[in-house]
C-alpha atoms as a PDB file:
ATOM      1  CA  UNK A   1       0.000   0.000   0.000  1.00  0.00           C
ATOM      2  CA  UNK A   2       1.380   3.408  -1.001  1.00  0.00           C
ATOM      3  CA  UNK A   3       1.448   6.097   1.694  1.00  0.00           C
ATOM      4  CA  UNK A   4       1.952   9.778   1.045  1.00  0.00           C
ATOM      5  CA  UNK A   5       4.995  11.206   2.793  1.00  0.00           C
ATOM      6  CA  UNK A   6       4.142  13.260   5.861  1.00  0.00           C
ATOM      7  CA  UNK A   7       3.897  16.978   5.153  1.00  0.00           C
ATOM      8  CA  UNK A   8       6.337  19.274   6.970  1.00  0.00           C
ATOM      9  CA  UNK A   9       5.675  19.949  10.656  1.00  0.00           C
ATOM     10  CA  UNK A  10       4.498  23.508   9.951  1.00  0.00           C
ATOM     11  CA  UNK A  11       1.881  22.231   7.513  1.00  0.00           C
ATOM     12  CA  UNK A  12       0.672  19.602   9.984  1.00  0.00           C
ATOM     13  CA  UNK A  13       0.498  22.278  12.723  1.00  0.00           C
ATOM     14  CA  UNK A  14      -1.579  24.588  10.480  1.00  0.00           C
ATOM     15  CA  UNK A  15      -3.862  21.695   9.549  1.00  0.00           C
ATOM     16  CA  UNK A  16      -4.429  21.036  13.254  1.00  0.00           C
ATOM     17  CA  UNK A  17      -5.076  24.750  13.877  1.00  0.00           C
ATOM     18  CA  UNK A  18      -7.688  24.766  11.106  1.00  0.00           C
ATOM     19  CA  UNK A  19      -9.250  21.607  12.551  1.00  0.00           C
ATOM     20  CA  UNK A  20      -9.452  23.297  15.959  1.00  0.00           C
ATOM     21  CA  UNK A  21     -11.043  26.406  14.398  1.00  0.00           C
ATOM     22  CA  UNK A  22     -13.624  24.246  12.592  1.00  0.00           C
ATOM     23  CA  UNK A  23     -14.472  22.432  15.839  1.00  0.00           C
ATOM     24  CA  UNK A  24     -14.743  25.729  17.765  1.00  0.00           C
ATOM     25  CA  UNK A  25     -16.975  27.305  15.099  1.00  0.00           C
ATOM     26  CA  UNK A  26     -19.228  24.234  15.069  1.00  0.00           C
ATOM     27  CA  UNK A  27     -19.486  24.231  18.879  1.00  0.00           C
ATOM     28  CA  UNK A  28     -20.235  27.970  18.930  1.00  0.00           C
ATOM     29  CA  UNK A  29     -23.186  27.321  16.602  1.00  0.00           C
ATOM     30  CA  UNK A  30     -24.360  24.401  18.799  1.00  0.00           C
ATOM     31  CA  UNK A  31     -24.155  21.986  15.873  1.00  0.00           C
ATOM     32  CA  UNK A  32     -23.263  18.301  16.037  1.00  0.00           C
ATOM     33  CA  UNK A  33     -20.664  16.737  13.773  1.00  0.00           C
ATOM     34  CA  UNK A  34     -23.502  14.725  12.196  1.00  0.00           C
ATOM     35  CA  UNK A  35     -25.463  17.880  11.376  1.00  0.00           C
ATOM     36  CA  UNK A  36     -22.489  19.635   9.780  1.00  0.00           C
ATOM     37  CA  UNK A  37     -21.515  16.542   7.783  1.00  0.00           C
ATOM     38  CA  UNK A  38     -25.091  16.159   6.533  1.00  0.00           C
ATOM     39  CA  UNK A  39     -25.392  19.850   5.605  1.00  0.00           C
ATOM     40  CA  UNK A  40     -21.985  19.769   3.881  1.00  0.00           C
ATOM     41  CA  UNK A  41     -22.841  16.595   1.973  1.00  0.00           C
ATOM     42  CA  UNK A  42     -19.879  14.609   3.294  1.00  0.00           C
ATOM     43  CA  UNK A  43     -19.687  11.416   5.312  1.00  0.00           C
ATOM     44  CA  UNK A  44     -19.467  11.640   9.086  1.00  0.00           C
ATOM     45  CA  UNK A  45     -16.189   9.681   9.100  1.00  0.00           C
ATOM     46  CA  UNK A  46     -14.669  12.116   6.607  1.00  0.00           C
ATOM     47  CA  UNK A  47     -15.889  15.109   8.577  1.00  0.00           C
ATOM     48  CA  UNK A  48     -14.551  13.664  11.822  1.00  0.00           C
ATOM     49  CA  UNK A  49     -11.121  13.167  10.240  1.00  0.00           C
ATOM     50  CA  UNK A  50     -11.115  16.825   9.104  1.00  0.00           C
ATOM     51  CA  UNK A  51     -12.064  18.035  12.574  1.00  0.00           C
ATOM     52  CA  UNK A  52      -9.373  15.863  14.166  1.00  0.00           C
ATOM     53  CA  UNK A  53      -6.739  17.217  11.784  1.00  0.00           C
ATOM     54  CA  UNK A  54      -6.131  13.780  10.257  1.00  0.00           C
ATOM     55  CA  UNK A  55      -7.475  14.627   6.807  1.00  0.00           C
ATOM     56  CA  UNK A  56      -6.407  17.331   4.385  1.00  0.00           C
ATOM     57  CA  UNK A  57      -9.707  18.476   2.843  1.00  0.00           C
ATOM     58  CA  UNK A  58      -9.987  20.013  -0.591  1.00  0.00           C
ATOM     59  CA  UNK A  59     -10.890  23.689  -0.783  1.00  0.00           C
ATOM     60  CA  UNK A  60     -14.385  22.853  -2.080  1.00  0.00           C
ATOM     61  CA  UNK A  61     -14.969  20.696   1.011  1.00  0.00           C
ATOM     62  CA  UNK A  62     -13.799  23.477   3.335  1.00  0.00           C
ATOM     63  CA  UNK A  63     -16.199  25.881   1.605  1.00  0.00           C
ATOM     64  CA  UNK A  64     -19.072  23.412   2.106  1.00  0.00           C
ATOM     65  CA  UNK A  65     -18.119  22.957   5.778  1.00  0.00           C
ATOM     66  CA  UNK A  66     -18.027  26.738   6.329  1.00  0.00           C
ATOM     67  CA  UNK A  67     -21.445  27.069   4.661  1.00  0.00           C
ATOM     68  CA  UNK A  68     -22.832  24.182   6.739  1.00  0.00           C
ATOM     69  CA  UNK A  69     -21.642  25.820   9.973  1.00  0.00           C
ATOM     70  CA  UNK A  70     -22.780  29.254   8.788  1.00  0.00           C
ATOM     71  CA  UNK A  71     -19.462  31.074   9.037  1.00  0.00           C
ATOM     72  CA  UNK A  72     -17.171  32.704   6.451  1.00  0.00           C
ATOM     73  CA  UNK A  73     -14.451  30.405   5.123  1.00  0.00           C
ATOM     74  CA  UNK A  74     -11.878  32.921   6.433  1.00  0.00           C
ATOM     75  CA  UNK A  75     -13.008  32.175  10.005  1.00  0.00           C
ATOM     76  CA  UNK A  76     -11.941  28.546   9.575  1.00  0.00           C
ATOM     77  CA  UNK A  77      -8.533  29.190   8.018  1.00  0.00           C
ATOM     78  CA  UNK A  78      -7.465  32.440   9.716  1.00  0.00           C
ATOM     79  CA  UNK A  79      -3.850  32.478  10.861  1.00  0.00           C
ATOM     80  CA  UNK A  80      -2.835  33.606  14.317  1.00  0.00           C
ATOM     81  CA  UNK A  81      -4.896  33.751  17.499  1.00  0.00           C
ATOM     82  CA  UNK A  82      -8.681  33.346  17.190  1.00  0.00           C
ATOM     83  CA  UNK A  83     -10.559  36.516  16.295  1.00  0.00           C
END
């Protein structure tokens, strides 16, 4: 089985930061993972992997997740401390 090489530590750290921002935004809206996954049209397992920082979602998926949560995409990918 072919595995992709691990991305650099900085990329993995940013992915985790984005995952944390997605989770925080979802919690702030009082939404379950199931609800967001359903609204975004993605499987719960896939959504869970995004929120845990284990998956690297495509931009289109991030846009759908932002729409499903009801926040601007920028809120999910903003660099630095939370706004």
